[in-house]
Amino acid sequence: MTVALLAAAATAALAAGCTDQHGPTQDGRGRVQTPAPKQPKQVARGAPVLAVKIDNAPEARPQTGLESADIVYAEQVEGGLSRLMAVYASTLPKVVGPVRSARESDLELLRQFHRPTLAFSGAQHKLLPLINSAPLQAEPPEKASGAYFRGTGTPAPHNLFLHPARLMPSPPGAKALTTGFRYGAAPSGGRPENTRTIRYPAAGFTFTWSPGLHRYLVAMDGKPTTAAGGKRVAPATVVVQYVKVRQSAFHDRLGSNTPYTETVGSGKALVLRDGRLYDVHWQRVKATDGTRFTTKDGKPVDFAKGQVWVVLTRATR
């Protein structure tokens, strides 16, 4: 079976297996917005980061608000497809989406932040109690209906969008990014590398260095990744993090097992910045820690200032 057929079949399976909620019908690209609720939802002072689960099926592209995220995590889901988690601290865009469902792995990944707000469309019903008991602020549409709306450009389930300002009044600032990431001058060494591709069974990411932009241009499944407004998505740093991906205790409605991506532990990683590639080591001792990236001699690896993409991919023996 070709990758294209695999992707099509997996997309259908994933759509069937996700819980989704409905909101008011509006334009999916943010051009027409729902009226503001009379009393917008507020969060406590010193608000944590906002993490949004973003649909990455081909039907969901181009996404809205992805270019404004401080960090974008890519993970494998059912059928070998990919899904994104965008983390916002410095800026809250007007609209983000399409929003999709959460996975068990997200709870471990999010423990590095102090009680983050998680926006998601729903989850497998047996997973919901774990989400509700996790140290985070869960905000699906049934709890914050005024923050979500349905777009008209694409069919469900690829048309649920979020107004972030209706979950938190202002961005918490970069200090809320307790990831362990360091920003500064490039480490010594490395080797020139203009393009790097990472493949999942039914999805792929390519990052190509642009000297003019001093950023990496993202392509997904062989097509340039643009935001809804047409701007190319271009992180300053790309991390390819090799992790253990195992079966979880959860399945979708078609019986496909949900992969669990382990982000606590240690292993190899690649860091791309400034047109060079660095072989590094990653370590995250416990879930409440951020992830440390070091060179072979143990020195911390600094990232370039700007958006960071972390592609979590299966380690090979």
Protein backbone atom coordinates (compact mmCIF):
# COMPACT_ATOMS: atom_id res chain seq x y z
CA MET A 1 0.00 0.00 0.00
CA THR A 2 1.42 3.41 -0.88
CA VAL A 3 2.10 6.13 1.68
CA ALA A 4 -0.71 8.19 0.13
CA LEU A 5 -3.22 5.33 0.57
CA LEU A 6 -1.95 4.71 4.10
CA ALA A 7 -2.42 8.37 4.93
CA ALA A 8 -5.95 8.42 3.50
CA ALA A 9 -6.99 5.31 5.41
CA ALA A 10 -5.36 6.49 8.60
CA THR A 11 -7.02 9.90 8.32
CA ALA A 12 -10.42 8.26 8.12
CA ALA A 13 -9.67 6.03 11.09
CA LEU A 14 -8.38 8.90 13.17
CA ALA A 15 -11.41 11.05 12.40
CA ALA A 16 -13.69 8.21 13.45
CA GLY A 17 -11.83 7.69 16.71
CA CYS A 18 -11.76 11.23 18.07
CA THR A 19 -14.32 12.83 20.33
CA ASP A 20 -15.30 16.27 19.11
CA GLN A 21 -17.67 18.96 20.27
CA HIS A 22 -19.76 21.56 18.47
CA GLY A 23 -19.80 25.33 18.75
CA PRO A 24 -21.27 28.24 16.81
CA THR A 25 -20.70 28.24 13.04
CA GLN A 26 -18.23 30.85 11.83
CA ASP A 27 -15.39 31.25 9.36
CA GLY A 28 -12.65 28.68 10.02
CA ARG A 29 -9.77 30.99 9.18
CA GLY A 30 -10.62 33.73 11.64
CA ARG A 31 -12.02 36.17 9.11
CA VAL A 32 -15.44 36.16 10.79
CA GLN A 33 -15.46 35.74 14.55
CA THR A 34 -18.13 34.87 17.05
CA PRO A 35 -19.46 37.65 19.29
CA ALA A 36 -17.56 38.01 22.54
CA PRO A 37 -19.30 36.43 25.53
CA LYS A 38 -20.70 38.84 28.09
CA GLN A 39 -18.24 37.65 30.72
CA PRO A 40 -15.06 36.27 29.13
CA LYS A 41 -13.46 33.43 31.03
CA GLN A 42 -10.59 34.57 33.23
CA VAL A 43 -7.67 32.68 34.70
CA ALA A 44 -5.66 33.23 37.83
CA ARG A 45 -2.91 35.83 38.00
CA GLY A 46 0.42 34.45 36.85
CA ALA A 47 -1.29 32.38 34.17
CA PRO A 48 0.51 29.29 32.86
CA VAL A 49 1.16 28.54 29.22
CA LEU A 50 -1.61 27.68 26.80
CA ALA A 51 -1.17 24.35 25.01
CA VAL A 52 -3.46 23.59 22.07
CA LYS A 53 -3.84 20.22 20.35
CA ILE A 54 -3.84 21.02 16.63
CA ASP A 55 -5.13 18.84 13.82
CA ASN A 56 -2.45 17.91 11.30
CA ALA A 57 -4.41 15.80 8.85
CA PRO A 58 -4.05 17.06 5.27
CA GLU A 59 -7.68 18.24 5.35
CA ALA A 60 -6.86 20.52 8.29
CA ARG A 61 -4.18 22.53 6.53
CA PRO A 62 -3.34 25.37 6.45
CA GLN A 63 -3.61 25.74 10.21
CA THR A 64 -4.37 29.03 11.91
CA GLY A 65 -2.10 30.56 14.56
CA LEU A 66 0.63 27.94 14.29
CA GLU A 67 3.24 30.54 13.35
CA SER A 68 2.70 32.37 16.67
CA ALA A 69 3.55 29.44 18.96
CA ASP A 70 6.71 29.49 21.03
CA ILE A 71 7.05 25.72 20.73
CA VAL A 72 5.45 23.19 18.40
CA TYR A 73 5.61 19.51 19.36
CA ALA A 74 4.92 16.87 16.71
CA GLU A 75 3.90 13.38 17.78
CA GLN A 76 2.74 10.18 16.12
CA VAL A 77 -0.89 9.12 16.57
CA GLU A 78 -3.08 6.29 15.30
CA GLY A 79 -2.43 4.95 11.83
CA GLY A 80 1.03 6.50 11.68
CA LEU A 81 -0.37 10.01 11.24
CA SER A 82 0.89 13.07 13.09
CA ARG A 83 -0.64 15.60 15.44
CA LEU A 84 0.73 18.86 16.81
CA MET A 85 0.73 20.51 20.20
CA ALA A 86 1.36 24.25 20.02
CA VAL A 87 2.51 26.01 23.19
CA TYR A 88 1.84 29.74 23.57
CA ALA A 89 3.47 32.02 26.13
CA SER A 90 4.87 35.11 24.39
CA THR A 91 1.89 35.81 22.11
CA LEU A 92 -1.74 34.77 21.92
CA PRO A 93 -3.02 34.86 18.33
CA LYS A 94 -6.63 35.79 17.68
CA VAL A 95 -7.52 32.31 16.44
CA VAL A 96 -5.87 28.87 16.70
CA GLY A 97 -6.86 25.64 15.05
CA PRO A 98 -8.22 23.35 13.91
CA VAL A 99 -8.37 21.96 17.45
CA ARG A 100 -8.41 18.18 17.91
CA SER A 101 -8.40 15.58 20.65
CA ALA A 102 -5.87 14.87 23.39
CA ARG A 103 -3.74 11.77 23.95
CA GLU A 104 -2.35 10.09 27.06
CA SER A 105 1.22 11.12 26.13
CA ASP A 106 0.20 14.77 26.39
CA LEU A 107 -0.21 14.50 30.15
CA GLU A 108 3.42 13.49 30.64
CA LEU A 109 4.70 16.07 28.17
CA LEU A 110 2.75 18.88 29.88
CA ARG A 111 3.97 18.12 33.41
CA GLN A 112 7.05 20.25 32.70
CA PHE A 113 4.81 23.34 32.85
CA HIS A 114 3.18 24.62 36.02
CA ARG A 115 -0.54 23.79 35.67
CA PRO A 116 -0.80 24.61 31.94
CA THR A 117 -4.10 25.31 30.24
CA LEU A 118 -4.87 22.58 27.71
CA ALA A 119 -7.30 23.32 24.87
CA PHE A 120 -8.53 20.20 23.07
CA SER A 121 -11.66 18.97 21.35
CA GLY A 122 -12.19 15.92 23.54
CA ALA A 123 -10.60 12.54 24.21
CA GLN A 124 -11.29 8.83 24.37
CA HIS A 125 -13.85 8.48 27.17
CA LYS A 126 -11.63 6.26 29.34
CA LEU A 127 -8.86 8.88 29.12
CA LEU A 128 -11.03 11.78 30.31
CA PRO A 129 -10.74 10.89 34.04
CA LEU A 130 -6.93 10.98 33.73
CA ILE A 131 -7.09 14.38 32.06
CA ASN A 132 -9.47 15.72 34.68
CA SER A 133 -7.21 14.56 37.53
CA ALA A 134 -3.96 15.77 35.92
CA PRO A 135 -2.26 18.95 37.24
CA LEU A 136 -3.51 21.10 34.39
CA GLN A 137 -6.49 23.26 33.50
CA ALA A 138 -8.49 21.27 30.96
CA GLU A 139 -10.58 23.46 28.65
CA PRO A 140 -12.53 21.40 26.11
CA PRO A 141 -15.56 22.95 24.38
CA GLU A 142 -18.05 21.56 26.89
CA LYS A 143 -16.34 23.59 29.63
CA ALA A 144 -15.55 26.71 27.58
CA SER A 145 -18.08 26.76 24.75
CA GLY A 146 -17.73 30.52 24.24
CA ALA A 147 -14.05 30.10 23.39
CA TYR A 148 -14.65 27.75 20.44
CA PHE A 149 -16.37 28.12 17.10
CA ARG A 150 -16.96 26.07 13.96
CA GLY A 151 -15.50 27.18 10.67
CA THR A 152 -17.25 26.86 7.35
CA GLY A 153 -14.29 26.22 5.04
CA THR A 154 -13.81 22.52 5.90
CA PRO A 155 -16.09 19.76 7.22
CA ALA A 156 -16.04 18.39 10.76
CA PRO A 157 -13.95 17.25 12.52
CA HIS A 158 -11.40 19.56 10.87
CA ASN A 159 -13.21 22.86 11.55
CA LEU A 160 -13.13 23.51 15.31
CA PHE A 161 -11.26 26.72 16.20
CA LEU A 162 -10.30 28.53 19.39
CA HIS A 163 -10.21 32.16 20.51
CA PRO A 164 -7.29 31.97 23.00
CA ALA A 165 -8.17 35.31 24.62
CA ARG A 166 -11.38 33.73 25.90
CA LEU A 167 -9.35 31.26 27.94
CA MET A 168 -6.75 33.72 29.27
CA PRO A 169 -6.81 37.52 29.07
CA SER A 170 -3.14 37.98 28.19
CA PRO A 171 -0.05 35.91 27.38
CA PRO A 172 1.94 34.84 30.45
CA GLY A 173 5.32 35.69 28.89
CA ALA A 174 8.31 33.58 27.96
CA LYS A 175 9.22 32.97 31.63
CA ALA A 176 6.33 30.51 31.77
CA LEU A 177 8.20 28.21 29.36
CA THR A 178 9.72 25.87 31.96
CA THR A 179 11.02 23.48 29.32
CA GLY A 180 14.69 23.55 30.21
CA PHE A 181 15.45 25.01 26.79
CA ARG A 182 18.37 27.45 26.65
CA TYR A 183 18.76 30.23 24.09
CA GLY A 184 22.02 31.81 23.03
CA ALA A 185 25.04 31.41 20.77
CA ALA A 186 25.41 28.25 18.75
CA PRO A 187 27.61 25.51 20.20
CA SER A 188 30.94 24.77 18.59
CA GLY A 189 31.19 21.99 16.04
CA GLY A 190 28.25 20.65 14.14
CA ARG A 191 28.17 20.12 10.41
CA PRO A 192 26.43 21.89 7.53
CA GLU A 193 22.96 20.49 6.89
CA ASN A 194 20.45 22.39 4.79
CA THR A 195 17.60 19.86 4.78
CA ARG A 196 16.38 17.18 7.16
CA THR A 197 13.32 14.93 6.72
CA ILE A 198 11.65 12.92 9.48
CA ARG A 199 9.15 10.25 8.51
CA TYR A 200 6.27 8.61 10.38
CA PRO A 201 4.50 5.61 8.80
CA ALA A 202 1.89 7.87 7.14
CA ALA A 203 3.30 11.38 7.57
CA GLY A 204 6.50 13.32 7.01
CA PHE A 205 8.22 16.56 8.05
CA THR A 206 10.94 18.35 6.10
CA PHE A 207 12.89 21.35 7.39
CA THR A 208 14.93 23.37 4.88
CA TRP A 209 17.32 26.11 5.90
CA SER A 210 16.65 29.55 4.42
CA PRO A 211 19.75 31.79 4.68
CA GLY A 212 17.65 34.82 3.75
CA LEU A 213 15.12 34.31 6.54
CA HIS A 214 17.64 32.68 8.86
CA ARG A 215 14.92 30.17 9.63
CA TYR A 216 13.89 26.65 8.64
CA LEU A 217 11.03 26.41 6.17
CA VAL A 218 8.63 23.64 7.16
CA ALA A 219 7.06 21.22 4.71
CA MET A 220 4.65 18.45 5.69
CA ASP A 221 3.98 15.43 3.50
CA GLY A 222 6.03 17.09 0.79
CA LYS A 223 4.05 20.34 0.67
CA PRO A 224 5.13 23.76 2.03
CA THR A 225 3.58 24.54 5.40
CA THR A 226 1.89 27.91 5.48
CA ALA A 227 -0.32 29.61 8.02
CA ALA A 228 -3.91 30.42 7.06
CA GLY A 229 -2.83 33.92 6.03
CA GLY A 230 -0.25 32.54 3.59
CA LYS A 231 2.92 33.10 5.65
CA ARG A 232 5.42 30.23 5.70
CA VAL A 233 5.88 28.52 9.04
CA ALA A 234 9.58 28.93 9.81
CA PRO A 235 11.11 28.00 13.19
CA ALA A 236 14.55 29.17 14.26
CA THR A 237 15.47 25.83 15.81
CA VAL A 238 14.38 22.28 15.03
CA VAL A 239 14.89 19.38 17.43
CA VAL A 240 14.55 15.78 16.28
CA GLN A 241 14.17 13.89 19.54
CA TYR A 242 14.46 10.10 19.42
CA VAL A 243 12.15 8.57 22.03
CA LYS A 244 10.47 5.30 22.95
CA VAL A 245 7.04 4.95 21.32
CA ARG A 246 4.97 2.09 22.76
CA GLN A 247 1.37 0.98 22.83
CA SER A 248 -0.89 2.70 25.33
CA ALA A 249 -3.91 1.26 27.13
CA PHE A 250 -6.25 3.15 24.79
CA HIS A 251 -7.74 2.46 21.36
CA ASP A 252 -9.79 4.46 18.90
CA ARG A 253 -13.30 3.47 17.82
CA LEU A 254 -11.93 1.24 15.08
CA GLY A 255 -9.75 -0.65 17.54
CA SER A 256 -6.43 0.93 16.52
CA ASN A 257 -4.06 1.31 19.43
CA THR A 258 -3.01 4.81 20.45
CA PRO A 259 0.79 5.19 20.55
CA TYR A 260 2.30 6.45 23.81
CA THR A 261 5.33 8.69 23.28
CA GLU A 262 7.66 8.63 26.29
CA THR A 263 9.30 12.01 26.93
CA VAL A 264 10.80 11.18 30.33
CA GLY A 265 14.12 9.39 30.05
CA SER A 266 17.16 10.00 27.88
CA GLY A 267 18.45 9.38 24.41
CA LYS A 268 19.83 10.88 21.24
CA ALA A 269 18.63 13.98 19.45
CA LEU A 270 19.53 16.24 16.55
CA VAL A 271 19.48 20.01 16.85
CA LEU A 272 19.27 22.11 13.70
CA ARG A 273 20.07 25.80 13.95
CA ASP A 274 21.84 28.35 11.76
CA GLY A 275 22.10 25.88 8.88
CA ARG A 276 24.10 23.37 10.92
CA LEU A 277 23.25 20.06 12.55
CA TYR A 278 24.40 18.99 16.01
CA ASP A 279 24.34 15.46 17.42
CA VAL A 280 23.29 15.84 21.04
CA HIS A 281 22.01 13.95 24.06
CA TRP A 282 18.66 14.64 25.76
CA GLN A 283 17.65 13.89 29.32
CA ARG A 284 14.49 14.45 31.34
CA VAL A 285 14.79 12.81 34.75
CA LYS A 286 11.19 13.20 35.86
CA ALA A 287 7.97 14.52 34.39
CA THR A 288 8.11 17.82 36.26
CA ASP A 289 11.54 18.57 34.76
CA GLY A 290 12.26 20.25 31.49
CA THR A 291 14.44 18.49 28.92
CA ARG A 292 18.18 19.14 28.92
CA PHE A 293 20.12 18.96 25.67
CA THR A 294 23.89 18.55 25.89
CA THR A 295 26.85 17.91 23.62
CA LYS A 296 28.94 14.76 23.86
CA ASP A 297 31.21 16.46 26.40
CA GLY A 298 28.22 17.43 28.57
CA LYS A 299 27.97 21.11 27.67
CA PRO A 300 24.45 22.60 27.40
CA VAL A 301 23.20 23.25 23.87
CA ASP A 302 21.65 26.67 23.28
CA PHE A 303 18.86 27.17 20.76
CA ALA A 304 18.47 30.12 18.40
CA LYS A 305 16.01 32.72 19.61
CA GLY A 306 12.58 32.18 18.06
CA GLN A 307 10.11 29.38 17.51
CA VAL A 308 11.26 25.83 18.29
CA TRP A 309 9.85 22.69 16.68
CA VAL A 310 10.37 19.39 18.52
CA VAL A 311 9.64 16.32 16.41
CA LEU A 312 9.24 13.29 18.67
CA THR A 313 10.13 10.21 16.68
CA ARG A 314 10.75 6.56 17.42
CA ALA A 315 14.29 5.66 18.43
CA THR A 316 15.89 2.88 16.40
CA ARG A 317 18.15 0.33 18.02
